């Protein structure tokens, strides 16, 4: 095992690069808020809602997509309905001097790994897993995760309930709109 003096040096290879902040106006924020409420609505419906022409909405959407503000349009899937009801948070600590990017790549290959964050503190990664049951989790840990070179220690946290905000994106966008309004009045 080779000791790496800079275990986070290759993190840029496995993580999304930070994007520069994109300049948006009130119409952009209103458009994003409308999409957060219902991403399936037509451009014509969006135009009516934010009081713009459909071609202007199409142009703004294209610009927001090109700039990376809108990363995509996705289905919100209820994984429990598809037989994967158990959410487990896996805290991973890498062995001293290990290249964390190698561990990240191997965990990314696991279909059960829903999200992963490199974190500060006493551990290195926090992984959100989706599994059928504790037998599936045990198999995943023993046959795959514990076999990853460089994983020194793991700790699992079983989620007993997920509490999702009503609509995080719409709520945060509404707050941004209100903050803009407050700052323009002062």
C-alpha atoms as a PDB file:
ATOM      1  CA  UNK A   1       0.000   0.000   0.000  1.00  0.00           C
ATOM      2  CA  UNK A   2       1.474   3.331  -1.079  1.00  0.00           C
ATOM      3  CA  UNK A   3       1.113   6.263   1.302  1.00  0.00           C
ATOM      4  CA  UNK A   4      -0.141   9.367  -0.460  1.00  0.00           C
ATOM      5  CA  UNK A   5       1.037  12.610   1.177  1.00  0.00           C
ATOM      6  CA  UNK A   6      -1.950  14.468  -0.329  1.00  0.00           C
ATOM      7  CA  UNK A   7      -5.038  12.237   0.012  1.00  0.00           C
ATOM      8  CA  UNK A   8      -7.388  14.927  -1.373  1.00  0.00           C
ATOM      9  CA  UNK A   9      -5.169  15.944  -4.300  1.00  0.00           C
ATOM     10  CA  UNK A  10      -7.272  14.101  -6.882  1.00  0.00           C
ATOM     11  CA  UNK A  11     -10.638  15.136  -5.475  1.00  0.00           C
ATOM     12  CA  UNK A  12     -11.240  17.392  -8.476  1.00  0.00           C
ATOM     13  CA  UNK A  13     -11.166  14.290 -10.684  1.00  0.00           C
ATOM     14  CA  UNK A  14     -14.190  12.737  -8.962  1.00  0.00           C
ATOM     15  CA  UNK A  15     -16.238  15.733  -7.846  1.00  0.00           C
ATOM     16  CA  UNK A  16     -18.259  18.285  -9.739  1.00  0.00           C
ATOM     17  CA  UNK A  17     -16.203  21.453 -10.196  1.00  0.00           C
ATOM     18  CA  UNK A  18     -17.560  24.545  -8.500  1.00  0.00           C
ATOM     19  CA  UNK A  19     -19.380  26.800 -10.911  1.00  0.00           C
ATOM     20  CA  UNK A  20     -18.982  30.533 -10.886  1.00  0.00           C
ATOM     21  CA  UNK A  21     -22.038  32.362  -9.633  1.00  0.00           C
ATOM     22  CA  UNK A  22     -24.457  33.126 -12.463  1.00  0.00           C
ATOM     23  CA  UNK A  23     -26.115  36.519 -12.679  1.00  0.00           C
ATOM     24  CA  UNK A  24     -29.893  36.085 -12.507  1.00  0.00           C
ATOM     25  CA  UNK A  25     -32.671  38.627 -12.386  1.00  0.00           C
ATOM     26  CA  UNK A  26     -36.128  38.564 -10.818  1.00  0.00           C
ATOM     27  CA  UNK A  27     -37.658  36.946 -13.910  1.00  0.00           C
ATOM     28  CA  UNK A  28     -35.060  34.153 -13.817  1.00  0.00           C
ATOM     29  CA  UNK A  29     -35.809  33.514 -10.139  1.00  0.00           C
ATOM     30  CA  UNK A  30     -39.562  33.534 -10.806  1.00  0.00           C
ATOM     31  CA  UNK A  31     -39.047  31.091 -13.669  1.00  0.00           C
ATOM     32  CA  UNK A  32     -36.932  28.799 -11.491  1.00  0.00           C
ATOM     33  CA  UNK A  33     -39.505  28.963  -8.684  1.00  0.00           C
ATOM     34  CA  UNK A  34     -42.289  28.041 -11.133  1.00  0.00           C
ATOM     35  CA  UNK A  35     -40.230  25.104 -12.424  1.00  0.00           C
ATOM     36  CA  UNK A  36     -39.476  23.967  -8.874  1.00  0.00           C
ATOM     37  CA  UNK A  37     -43.209  23.874  -8.203  1.00  0.00           C
ATOM     38  CA  UNK A  38     -43.929  21.921 -11.418  1.00  0.00           C
ATOM     39  CA  UNK A  39     -41.124  21.116 -13.849  1.00  0.00           C
ATOM     40  CA  UNK A  40     -43.546  19.433 -16.259  1.00  0.00           C
ATOM     41  CA  UNK A  41     -45.468  22.559 -17.188  1.00  0.00           C
ATOM     42  CA  UNK A  42     -45.164  23.887 -20.710  1.00  0.00           C
ATOM     43  CA  UNK A  43     -43.202  26.966 -21.685  1.00  0.00           C
ATOM     44  CA  UNK A  44     -46.514  28.583 -22.584  1.00  0.00           C
ATOM     45  CA  UNK A  45     -47.830  27.946 -19.042  1.00  0.00           C
ATOM     46  CA  UNK A  46     -44.577  29.251 -17.551  1.00  0.00           C
ATOM     47  CA  UNK A  47     -44.861  32.366 -19.725  1.00  0.00           C
ATOM     48  CA  UNK A  48     -48.390  33.060 -18.446  1.00  0.00           C
ATOM     49  CA  UNK A  49     -47.317  32.489 -14.857  1.00  0.00           C
ATOM     50  CA  UNK A  50     -44.363  34.892 -14.913  1.00  0.00           C
ATOM     51  CA  UNK A  51     -45.948  37.279 -17.418  1.00  0.00           C
ATOM     52  CA  UNK A  52     -43.445  36.927 -20.245  1.00  0.00           C
ATOM     53  CA  UNK A  53     -43.744  35.819 -23.841  1.00  0.00           C
ATOM     54  CA  UNK A  54     -43.155  32.107 -24.601  1.00  0.00           C
ATOM     55  CA  UNK A  55     -40.089  32.915 -26.789  1.00  0.00           C
ATOM     56  CA  UNK A  56     -38.585  34.986 -23.946  1.00  0.00           C
ATOM     57  CA  UNK A  57     -39.156  32.080 -21.542  1.00  0.00           C
ATOM     58  CA  UNK A  58     -37.549  29.668 -24.026  1.00  0.00           C
ATOM     59  CA  UNK A  59     -34.510  31.956 -24.317  1.00  0.00           C
ATOM     60  CA  UNK A  60     -34.168  32.257 -20.548  1.00  0.00           C
ATOM     61  CA  UNK A  61     -34.515  28.506 -20.035  1.00  0.00           C
ATOM     62  CA  UNK A  62     -31.849  27.857 -22.669  1.00  0.00           C
ATOM     63  CA  UNK A  63     -29.502  30.366 -21.003  1.00  0.00           C
ATOM     64  CA  UNK A  64     -30.117  28.887 -17.539  1.00  0.00           C
ATOM     65  CA  UNK A  65     -29.441  25.396 -18.928  1.00  0.00           C
ATOM     66  CA  UNK A  66     -26.244  26.476 -20.737  1.00  0.00           C
ATOM     67  CA  UNK A  67     -24.924  28.240 -17.650  1.00  0.00           C
ATOM     68  CA  UNK A  68     -25.584  25.163 -15.509  1.00  0.00           C
ATOM     69  CA  UNK A  69     -28.165  26.757 -13.230  1.00  0.00           C
ATOM     70  CA  UNK A  70     -30.694  24.217 -14.514  1.00  0.00           C
ATOM     71  CA  UNK A  71     -28.880  20.889 -14.463  1.00  0.00           C
ATOM     72  CA  UNK A  72     -31.762  18.802 -15.719  1.00  0.00           C
ATOM     73  CA  UNK A  73     -35.348  17.732 -15.314  1.00  0.00           C
ATOM     74  CA  UNK A  74     -35.866  14.567 -13.295  1.00  0.00           C
ATOM     75  CA  UNK A  75     -38.530  12.230 -12.059  1.00  0.00           C
ATOM     76  CA  UNK A  76     -38.947  12.146  -8.282  1.00  0.00           C
ATOM     77  CA  UNK A  77     -39.058   8.397  -7.647  1.00  0.00           C
ATOM     78  CA  UNK A  78     -40.440   6.781  -4.515  1.00  0.00           C
ATOM     79  CA  UNK A  79     -37.787   4.097  -4.032  1.00  0.00           C
ATOM     80  CA  UNK A  80     -39.768   2.387  -1.281  1.00  0.00           C
ATOM     81  CA  UNK A  81     -42.521   1.685  -3.823  1.00  0.00           C
ATOM     82  CA  UNK A  82     -39.862  -0.067  -5.938  1.00  0.00           C
ATOM     83  CA  UNK A  83     -38.599  -2.289  -3.125  1.00  0.00           C
ATOM     84  CA  UNK A  84     -35.762  -0.152  -1.741  1.00  0.00           C
ATOM     85  CA  UNK A  85     -37.328   1.358   1.391  1.00  0.00           C
ATOM     86  CA  UNK A  86     -34.287   1.440   3.680  1.00  0.00           C
ATOM     87  CA  UNK A  87     -32.030   4.493   3.789  1.00  0.00           C
ATOM     88  CA  UNK A  88     -28.649   4.057   5.429  1.00  0.00           C
ATOM     89  CA  UNK A  89     -26.002   6.706   5.946  1.00  0.00           C
ATOM     90  CA  UNK A  90     -22.534   5.262   5.785  1.00  0.00           C
ATOM     91  CA  UNK A  91     -19.677   7.206   7.357  1.00  0.00           C
ATOM     92  CA  UNK A  92     -16.382   6.171   5.764  1.00  0.00           C
ATOM     93  CA  UNK A  93     -12.925   6.852   7.154  1.00  0.00           C
ATOM     94  CA  UNK A  94      -9.999   6.273   4.810  1.00  0.00           C
ATOM     95  CA  UNK A  95      -6.726   4.808   6.008  1.00  0.00           C
ATOM     96  CA  UNK A  96      -4.000   7.366   6.602  1.00  0.00           C
ATOM     97  CA  UNK A  97      -2.383   8.513   3.377  1.00  0.00           C
ATOM     98  CA  UNK A  98      -4.888   6.808   1.074  1.00  0.00           C
ATOM     99  CA  UNK A  99      -5.999   8.604  -2.075  1.00  0.00           C
ATOM    100  CA  UNK A 100      -9.639   9.354  -1.302  1.00  0.00           C
ATOM    101  CA  UNK A 101     -10.501   9.649  -5.009  1.00  0.00           C
ATOM    102  CA  UNK A 102      -9.866   5.901  -5.474  1.00  0.00           C
ATOM    103  CA  UNK A 103     -12.321   5.075  -2.690  1.00  0.00           C
ATOM    104  CA  UNK A 104     -14.863   7.516  -4.110  1.00  0.00           C
ATOM    105  CA  UNK A 105     -14.650   5.952  -7.577  1.00  0.00           C
ATOM    106  CA  UNK A 106     -15.325   2.487  -6.192  1.00  0.00           C
ATOM    107  CA  UNK A 107     -18.278   3.637  -4.104  1.00  0.00           C
ATOM    108  CA  UNK A 108     -19.698   5.532  -7.116  1.00  0.00           C
ATOM    109  CA  UNK A 109     -19.867   2.204  -8.959  1.00  0.00           C
ATOM    110  CA  UNK A 110     -22.265   0.780  -6.363  1.00  0.00           C
ATOM    111  CA  UNK A 111     -25.845   1.079  -7.614  1.00  0.00           C
ATOM    112  CA  UNK A 112     -27.027   1.418  -3.994  1.00  0.00           C
ATOM    113  CA  UNK A 113     -24.986   4.615  -3.451  1.00  0.00           C
ATOM    114  CA  UNK A 114     -27.536   7.395  -3.877  1.00  0.00           C
ATOM    115  CA  UNK A 115     -25.374  10.370  -2.899  1.00  0.00           C
ATOM    116  CA  UNK A 116     -21.932  10.944  -1.459  1.00  0.00           C
ATOM    117  CA  UNK A 117     -20.273  13.916   0.200  1.00  0.00           C
ATOM    118  CA  UNK A 118     -16.658  14.511   1.175  1.00  0.00           C
ATOM    119  CA  UNK A 119     -16.896  15.992   4.652  1.00  0.00           C
ATOM    120  CA  UNK A 120     -14.717  17.582   7.283  1.00  0.00           C
ATOM    121  CA  UNK A 121     -14.292  16.230  10.778  1.00  0.00           C
ATOM    122  CA  UNK A 122     -13.418  12.781  12.013  1.00  0.00           C
ATOM    123  CA  UNK A 123     -14.598  10.962   8.885  1.00  0.00           C
ATOM    124  CA  UNK A 124     -13.934  11.415   5.187  1.00  0.00           C
ATOM    125  CA  UNK A 125     -17.123  10.489   3.325  1.00  0.00           C
ATOM    126  CA  UNK A 126     -20.810  10.379   4.077  1.00  0.00           C
ATOM    127  CA  UNK A 127     -22.671   8.081   1.700  1.00  0.00           C
ATOM    128  CA  UNK A 128     -26.445   7.733   1.442  1.00  0.00           C
ATOM    129  CA  UNK A 129     -27.355   4.168   0.503  1.00  0.00           C
ATOM    130  CA  UNK A 130     -30.665   2.652  -0.632  1.00  0.00           C
ATOM    131  CA  UNK A 131     -31.183  -1.010   0.281  1.00  0.00           C
ATOM    132  CA  UNK A 132     -34.032  -3.530   0.487  1.00  0.00           C
ATOM    133  CA  UNK A 133     -33.422  -4.652   4.070  1.00  0.00           C
ATOM    134  CA  UNK A 134     -30.709  -5.356   6.629  1.00  0.00           C
ATOM    135  CA  UNK A 135     -29.688  -8.528   4.768  1.00  0.00           C
ATOM    136  CA  UNK A 136     -29.048  -6.479   1.630  1.00  0.00           C
ATOM    137  CA  UNK A 137     -27.083  -3.956   3.722  1.00  0.00           C
ATOM    138  CA  UNK A 138     -25.000  -6.704   5.317  1.00  0.00           C
ATOM    139  CA  UNK A 139     -24.205  -8.209   1.909  1.00  0.00           C
ATOM    140  CA  UNK A 140     -23.278  -4.791   0.517  1.00  0.00           C
ATOM    141  CA  UNK A 141     -20.961  -4.035   3.436  1.00  0.00           C
ATOM    142  CA  UNK A 142     -19.245  -7.409   3.573  1.00  0.00           C
ATOM    143  CA  UNK A 143     -18.933  -8.175  -0.127  1.00  0.00           C
ATOM    144  CA  UNK A 144     -18.296  -4.730  -1.534  1.00  0.00           C
ATOM    145  CA  UNK A 145     -17.614  -1.804   0.793  1.00  0.00           C
ATOM    146  CA  UNK A 146     -15.311  -3.621   3.233  1.00  0.00           C
ATOM    147  CA  UNK A 147     -13.372  -4.910   0.206  1.00  0.00           C
ATOM    148  CA  UNK A 148     -12.470  -1.431  -1.045  1.00  0.00           C
ATOM    149  CA  UNK A 149      -8.754  -0.828  -0.606  1.00  0.00           C
ATOM    150  CA  UNK A 150      -8.122   2.053   1.755  1.00  0.00           C
ATOM    151  CA  UNK A 151     -11.380   1.934   3.717  1.00  0.00           C
ATOM    152  CA  UNK A 152     -10.156   1.889   7.294  1.00  0.00           C
ATOM    153  CA  UNK A 153     -13.442   2.204   9.150  1.00  0.00           C
ATOM    154  CA  UNK A 154     -17.141   2.606   8.518  1.00  0.00           C
ATOM    155  CA  UNK A 155     -20.086   3.475  10.672  1.00  0.00           C
ATOM    156  CA  UNK A 156     -23.681   2.974   9.582  1.00  0.00           C
ATOM    157  CA  UNK A 157     -26.655   5.063  10.564  1.00  0.00           C
ATOM    158  CA  UNK A 158     -30.076   3.630   9.815  1.00  0.00           C
ATOM    159  CA  UNK A 159     -32.639   6.244   8.876  1.00  0.00           C
ATOM    160  CA  UNK A 160     -35.916   5.620  10.659  1.00  0.00           C
ATOM    161  CA  UNK A 161     -37.767   8.419   8.865  1.00  0.00           C
ATOM    162  CA  UNK A 162     -37.064  10.862   6.066  1.00  0.00           C
ATOM    163  CA  UNK A 163     -38.504  14.311   6.564  1.00  0.00           C
ATOM    164  CA  UNK A 164     -38.432  16.147   3.276  1.00  0.00           C
ATOM    165  CA  UNK A 165     -39.311  19.823   3.106  1.00  0.00           C
ATOM    166  CA  UNK A 166     -42.453  20.581   1.122  1.00  0.00           C
ATOM    167  CA  UNK A 167     -40.355  21.931  -1.730  1.00  0.00           C
ATOM    168  CA  UNK A 168     -36.829  22.938  -0.772  1.00  0.00           C
ATOM    169  CA  UNK A 169     -36.001  24.541  -4.137  1.00  0.00           C
ATOM    170  CA  UNK A 170     -39.213  26.581  -4.332  1.00  0.00           C
ATOM    171  CA  UNK A 171     -38.867  27.722  -0.707  1.00  0.00           C
ATOM    172  CA  UNK A 172     -35.225  28.770  -1.106  1.00  0.00           C
ATOM    173  CA  UNK A 173     -35.953  30.555  -4.391  1.00  0.00           C
ATOM    174  CA  UNK A 174     -38.857  32.403  -2.771  1.00  0.00           C
ATOM    175  CA  UNK A 175     -36.508  33.491   0.024  1.00  0.00           C
ATOM    176  CA  UNK A 176     -33.972  34.720  -2.570  1.00  0.00           C
ATOM    177  CA  UNK A 177     -36.715  36.725  -4.304  1.00  0.00           C
ATOM    178  CA  UNK A 178     -37.801  38.257  -0.995  1.00  0.00           C
ATOM    179  CA  UNK A 179     -34.186  39.098  -0.069  1.00  0.00           C
ATOM    180  CA  UNK A 180     -33.743  40.867  -3.426  1.00  0.00           C
ATOM    181  CA  UNK A 181     -36.936  42.815  -2.843  1.00  0.00           C
ATOM    182  CA  UNK A 182     -35.842  43.826   0.655  1.00  0.00           C
ATOM    183  CA  UNK A 183     -32.393  44.928  -0.508  1.00  0.00           C
ATOM    184  CA  UNK A 184     -33.802  46.974  -3.405  1.00  0.00           C
ATOM    185  CA  UNK A 185     -36.142  48.850  -1.000  1.00  0.00           C
ATOM    186  CA  UNK A 186     -33.301  49.880   1.305  1.00  0.00           C
END
